Amino acid sequence: MRLLLVDDEVELVSTLAERLSFRGIDADWVASGEEALKKAETETYDLAVLDVKMPRISGIKLKGMLEAKYPDMKFIFMTGHGSEDDFRTGSSKAYYLVKPINIEALISKINEVLKK
């Protein structure tokens, strides 16, 4: 399994990638939607973990752009706005985690999404 982590908070996203790597999960990270689009052109990813609110290209918009080119890619959103309950009533195809991200919750969500 290969993951792409996208968040404009460099410290957060680099730390998540490192912690996933310690658990045997291959994860690349980038700090913008533009970088994510470039990275996806040269690498194959099973899943992208996207920050909802980023400058220029939001996570929601980025999902649409990536999904159009890579229809088999799965997605999880991270957000610092709202609570997990706020997102439970949303689309059943959207998966959310609320910041600060708990690494065990992220791994659990990754496994859940990739099994579907």
PDB file of N, CA and C in Angstrom:
ATOM      1  N   MET A   1       0.850  -1.179   0.000  1.00  0.00           N
ATOM      2  CA  MET A   1       0.000   0.000   0.000  1.00  0.00           C
ATOM      3  C   MET A   1       0.888   1.232   0.000  1.00  0.00           C
ATOM      4  N   ARG A   2       0.504   2.201  -0.826  1.00  0.00           N
ATOM      5  CA  ARG A   2       1.245   3.474  -0.904  1.00  0.00           C
ATOM      6  C   ARG A   2       0.283   4.614  -0.653  1.00  0.00           C
ATOM      7  N   LEU A   3       0.733   5.546   0.178  1.00  0.00           N
ATOM      8  CA  LEU A   3      -0.099   6.690   0.531  1.00  0.00           C
ATOM      9  C   LEU A   3       0.565   7.992   0.134  1.00  0.00           C
ATOM     10  N   LEU A   4      -0.284   8.962  -0.165  1.00  0.00           N
ATOM     11  CA  LEU A   4       0.168  10.336  -0.385  1.00  0.00           C
ATOM     12  C   LEU A   4      -0.512  11.200   0.663  1.00  0.00           C
ATOM     13  N   LEU A   5       0.284  11.882   1.485  1.00  0.00           N
ATOM     14  CA  LEU A   5      -0.226  12.791   2.512  1.00  0.00           C
ATOM     15  C   LEU A   5      -0.052  14.216   2.019  1.00  0.00           C
ATOM     16  N   VAL A   6      -1.134  15.020   2.103  1.00  0.00           N
ATOM     17  CA  VAL A   6      -1.093  16.386   1.592  1.00  0.00           C
ATOM     18  C   VAL A   6      -1.641  17.330   2.657  1.00  0.00           C
ATOM     19  N   ASP A   7      -0.781  18.229   3.128  1.00  0.00           N
ATOM     20  CA  ASP A   7      -1.193  19.217   4.125  1.00  0.00           C
ATOM     21  C   ASP A   7      -0.203  20.367   4.067  1.00  0.00           C
ATOM     22  N   ASP A   8      -0.694  21.601   4.161  1.00  0.00           N
ATOM     23  CA  ASP A   8       0.200  22.762   4.116  1.00  0.00           C
ATOM     24  C   ASP A   8       0.943  22.973   5.427  1.00  0.00           C
ATOM     25  N   GLU A   9       0.618  22.206   6.456  1.00  0.00           N
ATOM     26  CA  GLU A   9       1.364  22.240   7.720  1.00  0.00           C
ATOM     27  C   GLU A   9       2.498  21.219   7.619  1.00  0.00           C
ATOM     28  N   VAL A  10       3.666  21.674   7.204  1.00  0.00           N
ATOM     29  CA  VAL A  10       4.805  20.798   6.908  1.00  0.00           C
ATOM     30  C   VAL A  10       5.181  19.926   8.098  1.00  0.00           C
ATOM     31  N   GLU A  11       5.234  20.513   9.278  1.00  0.00           N
ATOM     32  CA  GLU A  11       5.627  19.741  10.459  1.00  0.00           C
ATOM     33  C   GLU A  11       4.657  18.583  10.708  1.00  0.00           C
ATOM     34  N   LEU A  12       3.367  18.844  10.573  1.00  0.00           N
ATOM     35  CA  LEU A  12       2.355  17.811  10.782  1.00  0.00           C
ATOM     36  C   LEU A  12       2.485  16.694   9.746  1.00  0.00           C
ATOM     37  N   VAL A  13       2.503  17.051   8.488  1.00  0.00           N
ATOM     38  CA  VAL A  13       2.472  16.052   7.422  1.00  0.00           C
ATOM     39  C   VAL A  13       3.766  15.248   7.366  1.00  0.00           C
ATOM     40  N   SER A  14       4.893  15.872   7.617  1.00  0.00           N
ATOM     41  CA  SER A  14       6.159  15.131   7.616  1.00  0.00           C
ATOM     42  C   SER A  14       6.223  14.174   8.804  1.00  0.00           C
ATOM     43  N   THR A  15       5.698  14.605   9.946  1.00  0.00           N
ATOM     44  CA  THR A  15       5.669  13.744  11.129  1.00  0.00           C
ATOM     45  C   THR A  15       4.741  12.551  10.913  1.00  0.00           C
ATOM     46  N   LEU A  16       3.584  12.786  10.313  1.00  0.00           N
ATOM     47  CA  LEU A  16       2.669  11.676  10.021  1.00  0.00           C
ATOM     48  C   LEU A  16       3.329  10.653   9.102  1.00  0.00           C
ATOM     49  N   ALA A  17       3.990  11.133   8.059  1.00  0.00           N
ATOM     50  CA  ALA A  17       4.669  10.231   7.116  1.00  0.00           C
ATOM     51  C   ALA A  17       5.729   9.404   7.839  1.00  0.00           C
ATOM     52  N   GLU A  18       6.483  10.049   8.708  1.00  0.00           N
ATOM     53  CA  GLU A  18       7.532   9.356   9.458  1.00  0.00           C
ATOM     54  C   GLU A  18       6.932   8.298  10.385  1.00  0.00           C
ATOM     55  N   ARG A  19       5.872   8.661  11.089  1.00  0.00           N
ATOM     56  CA  ARG A  19       5.240   7.726  12.027  1.00  0.00           C
ATOM     57  C   ARG A  19       4.600   6.550  11.300  1.00  0.00           C
ATOM     58  N   LEU A  20       4.043   6.788  10.113  1.00  0.00           N
ATOM     59  CA  LEU A  20       3.494   5.689   9.315  1.00  0.00           C
ATOM     60  C   LEU A  20       4.611   4.769   8.829  1.00  0.00           C
ATOM     61  N   SER A  21       5.714   5.372   8.430  1.00  0.00           N
ATOM     62  CA  SER A  21       6.875   4.602   7.978  1.00  0.00           C
ATOM     63  C   SER A  21       7.384   3.663   9.079  1.00  0.00           C
ATOM     64  N   PHE A  22       7.403   4.141  10.315  1.00  0.00           N
ATOM     65  CA  PHE A  22       7.819   3.311  11.453  1.00  0.00           C
ATOM     66  C   PHE A  22       6.914   2.088  11.608  1.00  0.00           C
ATOM     67  N   ARG A  23       5.694   2.201  11.105  1.00  0.00           N
ATOM     68  CA  ARG A  23       4.725   1.097  11.195  1.00  0.00           C
ATOM     69  C   ARG A  23       4.644   0.299   9.895  1.00  0.00           C
ATOM     70  N   GLY A  24       5.601   0.527   8.996  1.00  0.00           N
ATOM     71  CA  GLY A  24       5.683  -0.252   7.768  1.00  0.00           C
ATOM     72  C   GLY A  24       4.776   0.209   6.645  1.00  0.00           C
ATOM     73  N   ILE A  25       4.255   1.427   6.747  1.00  0.00           N
ATOM     74  CA  ILE A  25       3.377   1.968   5.707  1.00  0.00           C
ATOM     75  C   ILE A  25       4.161   2.962   4.866  1.00  0.00           C
ATOM     76  N   ASP A  26       4.186   2.735   3.568  1.00  0.00           N
ATOM     77  CA  ASP A  26       4.924   3.573   2.627  1.00  0.00           C
ATOM     78  C   ASP A  26       4.123   4.841   2.337  1.00  0.00           C
ATOM     79  N   ALA A  27       4.584   5.974   2.847  1.00  0.00           N
ATOM     80  CA  ALA A  27       3.854   7.241   2.695  1.00  0.00           C
ATOM     81  C   ALA A  27       4.783   8.355   2.243  1.00  0.00           C
ATOM     82  N   ASP A  28       4.395   9.020   1.162  1.00  0.00           N
ATOM     83  CA  ASP A  28       5.068  10.234   0.719  1.00  0.00           C
ATOM     84  C   ASP A  28       4.242  11.416   1.196  1.00  0.00           C
ATOM     85  N   TRP A  29       4.892  12.572   1.327  1.00  0.00           N
ATOM     86  CA  TRP A  29       4.148  13.761   1.735  1.00  0.00           C
ATOM     87  C   TRP A  29       4.539  14.947   0.880  1.00  0.00           C
ATOM     88  N   VAL A  30       3.568  15.843   0.710  1.00  0.00           N
ATOM     89  CA  VAL A  30       3.779  17.118   0.032  1.00  0.00           C
ATOM     90  C   VAL A  30       2.978  18.176   0.784  1.00  0.00           C
ATOM     91  N   ALA A  31       3.306  19.455   0.529  1.00  0.00           N
ATOM     92  CA  ALA A  31       2.703  20.548   1.298  1.00  0.00           C
ATOM     93  C   ALA A  31       1.732  21.409   0.498  1.00  0.00           C
ATOM     94  N   SER A  32       1.327  20.944  -0.689  1.00  0.00           N
ATOM     95  CA  SER A  32       0.351  21.727  -1.463  1.00  0.00           C
ATOM     96  C   SER A  32      -0.358  20.843  -2.479  1.00  0.00           C
ATOM     97  N   GLY A  33      -1.488  21.319  -2.948  1.00  0.00           N
ATOM     98  CA  GLY A  33      -2.221  20.605  -3.975  1.00  0.00           C
ATOM     99  C   GLY A  33      -1.436  20.491  -5.269  1.00  0.00           C
ATOM    100  N   GLU A  34      -0.723  21.544  -5.608  1.00  0.00           N
ATOM    101  CA  GLU A  34       0.084  21.531  -6.837  1.00  0.00           C
ATOM    102  C   GLU A  34       1.160  20.444  -6.764  1.00  0.00           C
ATOM    103  N   GLU A  35       1.822  20.361  -5.609  1.00  0.00           N
ATOM    104  CA  GLU A  35       2.854  19.325  -5.434  1.00  0.00           C
ATOM    105  C   GLU A  35       2.233  17.933  -5.486  1.00  0.00           C
ATOM    106  N   ALA A  36       1.037  17.791  -4.945  1.00  0.00           N
ATOM    107  CA  ALA A  36       0.347  16.494  -4.957  1.00  0.00           C
ATOM    108  C   ALA A  36       0.058  16.050  -6.390  1.00  0.00           C
ATOM    109  N   LEU A  37      -0.402  16.975  -7.220  1.00  0.00           N
ATOM    110  CA  LEU A  37      -0.702  16.638  -8.612  1.00  0.00           C
ATOM    111  C   LEU A  37       0.566  16.189  -9.346  1.00  0.00           C
ATOM    112  N   LYS A  38       1.672  16.877  -9.115  1.00  0.00           N
ATOM    113  CA  LYS A  38       2.949  16.499  -9.742  1.00  0.00           C
ATOM    114  C   LYS A  38       3.416  15.132  -9.247  1.00  0.00           C
ATOM    115  N   LYS A  39       3.317  14.907  -7.944  1.00  0.00           N
ATOM    116  CA  LYS A  39       3.776  13.646  -7.348  1.00  0.00           C
ATOM    117  C   LYS A  39       2.951  12.466  -7.876  1.00  0.00           C
ATOM    118  N   ALA A  40       1.651  12.675  -8.025  1.00  0.00           N
ATOM    119  CA  ALA A  40       0.765  11.608  -8.503  1.00  0.00           C
ATOM    120  C   ALA A  40       1.037  11.238  -9.959  1.00  0.00           C
ATOM    121  N   GLU A  41       1.654  12.147 -10.704  1.00  0.00           N
ATOM    122  CA  GLU A  41       2.007  11.849 -12.097  1.00  0.00           C
ATOM    123  C   GLU A  41       3.186  10.885 -12.185  1.00  0.00           C
ATOM    124  N   THR A  42       4.036  10.860 -11.170  1.00  0.00           N
ATOM    125  CA  THR A  42       5.246  10.034 -11.230  1.00  0.00           C
ATOM    126  C   THR A  42       5.192   8.817 -10.308  1.00  0.00           C
ATOM    127  N   GLU A  43       4.247   8.774  -9.395  1.00  0.00           N
ATOM    128  CA  GLU A  43       4.121   7.669  -8.445  1.00  0.00           C
ATOM    129  C   GLU A  43       2.689   7.145  -8.471  1.00  0.00           C
ATOM    130  N   THR A  44       2.516   5.911  -8.048  1.00  0.00           N
ATOM    131  CA  THR A  44       1.180   5.314  -7.950  1.00  0.00           C
ATOM    132  C   THR A  44       0.788   5.223  -6.477  1.00  0.00           C
ATOM    133  N   TYR A  45      -0.399   5.729  -6.159  1.00  0.00           N
ATOM    134  CA  TYR A  45      -0.878   5.728  -4.773  1.00  0.00           C
ATOM    135  C   TYR A  45      -2.216   5.019  -4.677  1.00  0.00           C
ATOM    136  N   ASP A  46      -2.379   4.267  -3.596  1.00  0.00           N
ATOM    137  CA  ASP A  46      -3.653   3.604  -3.320  1.00  0.00           C
ATOM    138  C   ASP A  46      -4.619   4.557  -2.626  1.00  0.00           C
ATOM    139  N   LEU A  47      -4.043   5.484  -1.850  1.00  0.00           N
ATOM    140  CA  LEU A  47      -4.867   6.353  -1.020  1.00  0.00           C
ATOM    141  C   LEU A  47      -4.170   7.694  -0.817  1.00  0.00           C
ATOM    142  N   ALA A  48      -4.974   8.754  -0.784  1.00  0.00           N
ATOM    143  CA  ALA A  48      -4.452  10.085  -0.464  1.00  0.00           C
ATOM    144  C   ALA A  48      -5.162  10.590   0.787  1.00  0.00           C
ATOM    145  N   VAL A  49      -4.382  11.134   1.699  1.00  0.00           N
ATOM    146  CA  VAL A  49      -4.907  11.754   2.916  1.00  0.00           C
ATOM    147  C   VAL A  49      -4.724  13.256   2.723  1.00  0.00           C
ATOM    148  N   LEU A  50      -5.852  13.974   2.641  1.00  0.00           N
ATOM    149  CA  LEU A  50      -5.840  15.383   2.237  1.00  0.00           C
ATOM    150  C   LEU A  50      -6.359  16.298   3.332  1.00  0.00           C
ATOM    151  N   ASP A  51      -5.654  17.391   3.567  1.00  0.00           N
ATOM    152  CA  ASP A  51      -6.166  18.445   4.440  1.00  0.00           C
ATOM    153  C   ASP A  51      -7.311  19.126   3.691  1.00  0.00           C
ATOM    154  N   VAL A  52      -8.405  19.390   4.373  1.00  0.00           N
ATOM    155  CA  VAL A  52      -9.558  20.023   3.732  1.00  0.00           C
ATOM    156  C   VAL A  52      -9.238  21.448   3.312  1.00  0.00           C
ATOM    157  N   LYS A  53      -8.612  22.210   4.221  1.00  0.00           N
ATOM    158  CA  LYS A  53      -8.408  23.640   3.994  1.00  0.00           C
ATOM    159  C   LYS A  53      -6.936  23.933   3.723  1.00  0.00           C
ATOM    160  N   MET A  54      -6.632  24.194   2.449  1.00  0.00           N
ATOM    161  CA  MET A  54      -5.268  24.549   2.038  1.00  0.00           C
ATOM    162  C   MET A  54      -5.349  25.740   1.087  1.00  0.00           C
ATOM    163  N   PRO A  55      -4.289  26.523   1.002  1.00  0.00           N
ATOM    164  CA  PRO A  55      -4.280  27.646   0.061  1.00  0.00           C
ATOM    165  C   PRO A  55      -4.335  27.152  -1.392  1.00  0.00           C
ATOM    166  N   ARG A  56      -4.880  27.948  -2.247  1.00  0.00           N
ATOM    167  CA  ARG A  56      -4.966  27.721  -3.695  1.00  0.00           C
ATOM    168  C   ARG A  56      -5.849  26.538  -4.077  1.00  0.00           C
ATOM    169  N   ILE A  57      -5.468  25.308  -3.737  1.00  0.00           N
ATOM    170  CA  ILE A  57      -6.288  24.137  -4.071  1.00  0.00           C
ATOM    171  C   ILE A  57      -6.709  23.471  -2.761  1.00  0.00           C
ATOM    172  N   SER A  58      -8.001  23.519  -2.461  1.00  0.00           N
ATOM    173  CA  SER A  58      -8.494  22.884  -1.235  1.00  0.00           C
ATOM    174  C   SER A  58      -8.424  21.363  -1.385  1.00  0.00           C
ATOM    175  N   GLY A  59      -8.504  20.676  -0.266  1.00  0.00           N
ATOM    176  CA  GLY A  59      -8.517  19.217  -0.301  1.00  0.00           C
ATOM    177  C   GLY A  59      -9.697  18.670  -1.076  1.00  0.00           C
ATOM    178  N   ILE A  60     -10.850  19.323  -0.963  1.00  0.00           N
ATOM    179  CA  ILE A  60     -12.057  18.886  -1.686  1.00  0.00           C
ATOM    180  C   ILE A  60     -11.824  19.001  -3.199  1.00  0.00           C
ATOM    181  N   LYS A  61     -11.296  20.125  -3.628  1.00  0.00           N
ATOM    182  CA  LYS A  61     -11.015  20.322  -5.053  1.00  0.00           C
ATOM    183  C   LYS A  61      -9.928  19.357  -5.533  1.00  0.00           C
ATOM    184  N   LEU A  62      -8.899  19.166  -4.720  1.00  0.00           N
ATOM    185  CA  LEU A  62      -7.811  18.263  -5.078  1.00  0.00           C
ATOM    186  C   LEU A  62      -8.330  16.841  -5.242  1.00  0.00           C
ATOM    187  N   LYS A  63      -9.225  16.414  -4.366  1.00  0.00           N
ATOM    188  CA  LYS A  63      -9.817  15.077  -4.486  1.00  0.00           C
ATOM    189  C   LYS A  63     -10.453  14.909  -5.851  1.00  0.00           C
ATOM    190  N   GLY A  64     -11.227  15.887  -6.269  1.00  0.00           N
ATOM    191  CA  GLY A  64     -11.887  15.808  -7.575  1.00  0.00           C
ATOM    192  C   GLY A  64     -10.882  15.717  -8.713  1.00  0.00           C
ATOM    193  N   MET A  65      -9.809  16.484  -8.625  1.00  0.00           N
ATOM    194  CA  MET A  65      -8.789  16.485  -9.670  1.00  0.00           C
ATOM    195  C   MET A  65      -8.054  15.141  -9.725  1.00  0.00           C
ATOM    196  N   LEU A  66      -7.703  14.608  -8.566  1.00  0.00           N
ATOM    197  CA  LEU A  66      -7.009  13.324  -8.519  1.00  0.00           C
ATOM    198  C   LEU A  66      -7.934  12.183  -8.934  1.00  0.00           C
ATOM    199  N   GLU A  67      -9.162  12.231  -8.470  1.00  0.00           N
ATOM    200  CA  GLU A  67     -10.141  11.186  -8.774  1.00  0.00           C
ATOM    201  C   GLU A  67     -10.417  11.098 -10.278  1.00  0.00           C
ATOM    202  N   ALA A  68     -10.411  12.240 -10.953  1.00  0.00           N
ATOM    203  CA  ALA A  68     -10.649  12.267 -12.397  1.00  0.00           C
ATOM    204  C   ALA A  68      -9.541  11.532 -13.158  1.00  0.00           C
ATOM    205  N   LYS A  69      -8.310  11.655 -12.677  1.00  0.00           N
ATOM    206  CA  LYS A  69      -7.165  11.011 -13.339  1.00  0.00           C
ATOM    207  C   LYS A  69      -6.897   9.601 -12.820  1.00  0.00           C
ATOM    208  N   TYR A  70      -7.215   9.367 -11.554  1.00  0.00           N
ATOM    209  CA  TYR A  70      -6.886   8.090 -10.900  1.00  0.00           C
ATOM    210  C   TYR A  70      -8.137   7.564 -10.181  1.00  0.00           C
ATOM    211  N   PRO A  71      -9.085   7.016 -10.940  1.00  0.00           N
ATOM    212  CA  PRO A  71     -10.384   6.635 -10.359  1.00  0.00           C
ATOM    213  C   PRO A  71     -10.321   5.558  -9.274  1.00  0.00           C
ATOM    214  N   ASP A  72      -9.236   4.808  -9.206  1.00  0.00           N
ATOM    215  CA  ASP A  72      -9.129   3.769  -8.176  1.00  0.00           C
ATOM    216  C   ASP A  72      -8.552   4.286  -6.861  1.00  0.00           C
ATOM    217  N   MET A  73      -8.059   5.521  -6.860  1.00  0.00           N
ATOM    218  CA  MET A  73      -7.480   6.092  -5.648  1.00  0.00           C
ATOM    219  C   MET A  73      -8.583   6.349  -4.622  1.00  0.00           C
ATOM    220  N   LYS A  74      -8.283   6.059  -3.364  1.00  0.00           N
ATOM    221  CA  LYS A  74      -9.211   6.313  -2.249  1.00  0.00           C
ATOM    222  C   LYS A  74      -8.735   7.553  -1.501  1.00  0.00           C
ATOM    223  N   PHE A  75      -9.650   8.122  -0.686  1.00  0.00           N
ATOM    224  CA  PHE A  75      -9.348   9.393  -0.023  1.00  0.00           C
ATOM    225  C   PHE A  75      -9.822   9.430   1.421  1.00  0.00           C
ATOM    226  N   ILE A  76      -9.038  10.097   2.244  1.00  0.00           N
ATOM    227  CA  ILE A  76      -9.406  10.442   3.616  1.00  0.00           C
ATOM    228  C   ILE A  76      -9.101  11.928   3.768  1.00  0.00           C
ATOM    229  N   PHE A  77     -10.011  12.660   4.406  1.00  0.00           N
ATOM    230  CA  PHE A  77      -9.791  14.080   4.667  1.00  0.00           C
ATOM    231  C   PHE A  77      -9.383  14.290   6.116  1.00  0.00           C
ATOM    232  N   MET A  78      -8.496  15.268   6.322  1.00  0.00           N
ATOM    233  CA  MET A  78      -8.125  15.727   7.665  1.00  0.00           C
ATOM    234  C   MET A  78      -8.642  17.157   7.790  1.00  0.00           C
ATOM    235  N   THR A  79      -9.169  17.482   8.938  1.00  0.00           N
ATOM    236  CA  THR A  79      -9.631  18.843   9.133  1.00  0.00           C
ATOM    237  C   THR A  79      -9.413  19.303  10.564  1.00  0.00           C
ATOM    238  N   GLY A  80      -9.108  20.549  10.714  1.00  0.00           N
ATOM    239  CA  GLY A  80      -8.989  21.158  12.027  1.00  0.00           C
ATOM    240  C   GLY A  80     -10.249  21.945  12.370  1.00  0.00           C
ATOM    241  N   HIS A  81     -11.268  21.833  11.511  1.00  0.00           N
ATOM    242  CA  HIS A  81     -12.497  22.614  11.665  1.00  0.00           C
ATOM    243  C   HIS A  81     -13.666  21.666  11.869  1.00  0.00           C
ATOM    244  N   GLY A  82     -14.309  21.765  13.022  1.00  0.00           N
ATOM    245  CA  GLY A  82     -15.446  20.905  13.307  1.00  0.00           C
ATOM    246  C   GLY A  82     -15.018  19.699  14.115  1.00  0.00           C
ATOM    247  N   SER A  83     -15.968  18.792  14.286  1.00  0.00           N
ATOM    248  CA  SER A  83     -15.704  17.564  15.031  1.00  0.00           C
ATOM    249  C   SER A  83     -16.064  16.379  14.157  1.00  0.00           C
ATOM    250  N   GLU A  84     -15.656  15.197  14.592  1.00  0.00           N
ATOM    251  CA  GLU A  84     -15.951  13.993  13.821  1.00  0.00           C
ATOM    252  C   GLU A  84     -17.450  13.832  13.621  1.00  0.00           C
ATOM    253  N   ASP A  85     -18.253  14.179  14.634  1.00  0.00           N
ATOM    254  CA  ASP A  85     -19.707  14.077  14.519  1.00  0.00           C
ATOM    255  C   ASP A  85     -20.248  14.946  13.388  1.00  0.00           C
ATOM    256  N   ASP A  86     -19.614  16.096  13.138  1.00  0.00           N
ATOM    257  CA  ASP A  86     -20.059  16.977  12.062  1.00  0.00           C
ATOM    258  C   ASP A  86     -20.000  16.285  10.706  1.00  0.00           C
ATOM    259  N   PHE A  87     -19.076  15.341  10.550  1.00  0.00           N
ATOM    260  CA  PHE A  87     -18.872  14.693   9.261  1.00  0.00           C
ATOM    261  C   PHE A  87     -19.597  13.371   9.128  1.00  0.00           C
ATOM    262  N   ARG A  88     -20.094  12.830  10.211  1.00  0.00           N
ATOM    263  CA  ARG A  88     -20.807  11.547  10.147  1.00  0.00           C
ATOM    264  C   ARG A  88     -22.089  11.653   9.341  1.00  0.00           C
ATOM    265  N   THR A  89     -22.671  12.829   9.283  1.00  0.00           N
ATOM    266  CA  THR A  89     -23.922  13.007   8.548  1.00  0.00           C
ATOM    267  C   THR A  89     -23.675  13.305   7.073  1.00  0.00           C
ATOM    268  N   GLY A  90     -22.433  13.435   6.688  1.00  0.00           N
ATOM    269  CA  GLY A  90     -22.094  13.741   5.297  1.00  0.00           C
ATOM    270  C   GLY A  90     -22.115  12.515   4.409  1.00  0.00           C
ATOM    271  N   SER A  91     -21.467  12.620   3.278  1.00  0.00           N
ATOM    272  CA  SER A  91     -21.414  11.565   2.284  1.00  0.00           C
ATOM    273  C   SER A  91     -20.790  10.302   2.860  1.00  0.00           C
ATOM    274  N   SER A  92     -21.394   9.163   2.544  1.00  0.00           N
ATOM    275  CA  SER A  92     -20.841   7.897   3.014  1.00  0.00           C
ATOM    276  C   SER A  92     -19.538   7.568   2.295  1.00  0.00           C
ATOM    277  N   LYS A  93     -19.259   8.262   1.188  1.00  0.00           N
ATOM    278  CA  LYS A  93     -18.023   8.022   0.454  1.00  0.00           C
ATOM    279  C   LYS A  93     -16.880   8.896   0.966  1.00  0.00           C
ATOM    280  N   ALA A  94     -17.165   9.803   1.874  1.00  0.00           N
ATOM    281  CA  ALA A  94     -16.134  10.695   2.405  1.00  0.00           C
ATOM    282  C   ALA A  94     -15.729  10.214   3.795  1.00  0.00           C
ATOM    283  N   TYR A  95     -14.432  10.136   4.017  1.00  0.00           N
ATOM    284  CA  TYR A  95     -13.889   9.715   5.297  1.00  0.00           C
ATOM    285  C   TYR A  95     -13.099  10.877   5.874  1.00  0.00           C
ATOM    286  N   TYR A  96     -13.339  11.182   7.152  1.00  0.00           N
ATOM    287  CA  TYR A  96     -12.723  12.344   7.786  1.00  0.00           C
ATOM    288  C   TYR A  96     -12.051  11.964   9.099  1.00  0.00           C
ATOM    289  N   LEU A  97     -10.968  12.648   9.393  1.00  0.00           N
ATOM    290  CA  LEU A  97     -10.346  12.612  10.704  1.00  0.00           C
ATOM    291  C   LEU A  97     -10.157  14.050  11.153  1.00  0.00           C
ATOM    292  N   VAL A  98     -10.372  14.296  12.431  1.00  0.00           N
ATOM    293  CA  VAL A  98     -10.256  15.643  12.977  1.00  0.00           C
ATOM    294  C   VAL A  98      -8.875  15.803  13.607  1.00  0.00           C
ATOM    295  N   LYS A  99      -8.218  16.926  13.290  1.00  0.00           N
ATOM    296  CA  LYS A  99      -6.911  17.242  13.877  1.00  0.00           C
ATOM    297  C   LYS A  99      -7.087  17.635  15.329  1.00  0.00           C
ATOM    298  N   PRO A 100      -6.155  17.361  16.194  1.00  0.00           N
ATOM    299  CA  PRO A 100      -4.884  16.704  15.926  1.00  0.00           C
ATOM    300  C   PRO A 100      -5.110  15.226  15.597  1.00  0.00           C
ATOM    301  N   ILE A 101      -4.327  14.718  14.672  1.00  0.00           N
ATOM    302  CA  ILE A 101      -4.488  13.355  14.178  1.00  0.00           C
ATOM    303  C   ILE A 101      -3.830  12.370  15.126  1.00  0.00           C
ATOM    304  N   ASN A 102      -4.617  11.391  15.550  1.00  0.00           N
ATOM    305  CA  ASN A 102      -4.107  10.279  16.343  1.00  0.00           C
ATOM    306  C   ASN A 102      -3.617   9.230  15.350  1.00  0.00           C
ATOM    307  N   ILE A 103      -2.358   8.819  15.441  1.00  0.00           N
ATOM    308  CA  ILE A 103      -1.765   7.914  14.450  1.00  0.00           C
ATOM    309  C   ILE A 103      -2.502   6.575  14.390  1.00  0.00           C
ATOM    310  N   GLU A 104      -2.939   6.070  15.531  1.00  0.00           N
ATOM    311  CA  GLU A 104      -3.664   4.793  15.529  1.00  0.00           C
ATOM    312  C   GLU A 104      -5.022   4.940  14.851  1.00  0.00           C
ATOM    313  N   ALA A 105      -5.693   6.069  15.063  1.00  0.00           N
ATOM    314  CA  ALA A 105      -6.974   6.319  14.389  1.00  0.00           C
ATOM    315  C   ALA A 105      -6.768   6.448  12.880  1.00  0.00           C
ATOM    316  N   LEU A 106      -5.668   7.082  12.473  1.00  0.00           N
ATOM    317  CA  LEU A 106      -5.355   7.207  11.049  1.00  0.00           C
ATOM    318  C   LEU A 106      -5.113   5.837  10.433  1.00  0.00           C
ATOM    319  N   ILE A 107      -4.334   5.005  11.081  1.00  0.00           N
ATOM    320  CA  ILE A 107      -4.066   3.664  10.548  1.00  0.00           C
ATOM    321  C   ILE A 107      -5.350   2.851  10.465  1.00  0.00           C
ATOM    322  N   SER A 108      -6.182   2.957  11.470  1.00  0.00           N
ATOM    323  CA  SER A 108      -7.465   2.257  11.466  1.00  0.00           C
ATOM    324  C   SER A 108      -8.334   2.722  10.294  1.00  0.00           C
ATOM    325  N   LYS A 109      -8.380   4.029  10.078  1.00  0.00           N
ATOM    326  CA  LYS A 109      -9.182   4.589   8.984  1.00  0.00           C
ATOM    327  C   LYS A 109      -8.606   4.176   7.627  1.00  0.00           C
ATOM    328  N   ILE A 110      -7.284   4.163   7.503  1.00  0.00           N
ATOM    329  CA  ILE A 110      -6.635   3.725   6.258  1.00  0.00           C
ATOM    330  C   ILE A 110      -7.050   2.288   5.948  1.00  0.00           C
ATOM    331  N   ASN A 111      -6.965   1.412   6.944  1.00  0.00           N
ATOM    332  CA  ASN A 111      -7.344   0.016   6.743  1.00  0.00           C
ATOM    333  C   ASN A 111      -8.810  -0.111   6.374  1.00  0.00           C
ATOM    334  N   GLU A 112      -9.670   0.657   7.026  1.00  0.00           N
ATOM    335  CA  GLU A 112     -11.103   0.632   6.740  1.00  0.00           C
ATOM    336  C   GLU A 112     -11.373   1.053   5.303  1.00  0.00           C
ATOM    337  N   VAL A 113     -10.781   2.149   4.871  1.00  0.00           N
ATOM    338  CA  VAL A 113     -11.031   2.672   3.526  1.00  0.00           C
ATOM    339  C   VAL A 113     -10.502   1.725   2.450  1.00  0.00           C
ATOM    340  N   LEU A 114      -9.330   1.159   2.663  1.00  0.00           N
ATOM    341  CA  LEU A 114      -8.745   0.285   1.648  1.00  0.00           C
ATOM    342  C   LEU A 114      -9.447  -1.062   1.543  1.00  0.00           C
ATOM    343  N   LYS A 115     -10.175  -1.463   2.576  1.00  0.00           N
ATOM    344  CA  LYS A 115     -10.928  -2.720   2.517  1.00  0.00           C
ATOM    345  C   LYS A 115     -12.218  -2.582   1.728  1.00  0.00           C
ATOM    346  N   LYS A 116     -12.713  -1.352   1.575  1.00  0.00           N
ATOM    347  CA  LYS A 116     -13.981  -1.135   0.869  1.00  0.00           C
ATOM    348  C   LYS A 116     -13.779  -1.076  -0.612  1.00  0.00           C
TER     349      LYS A 116
END
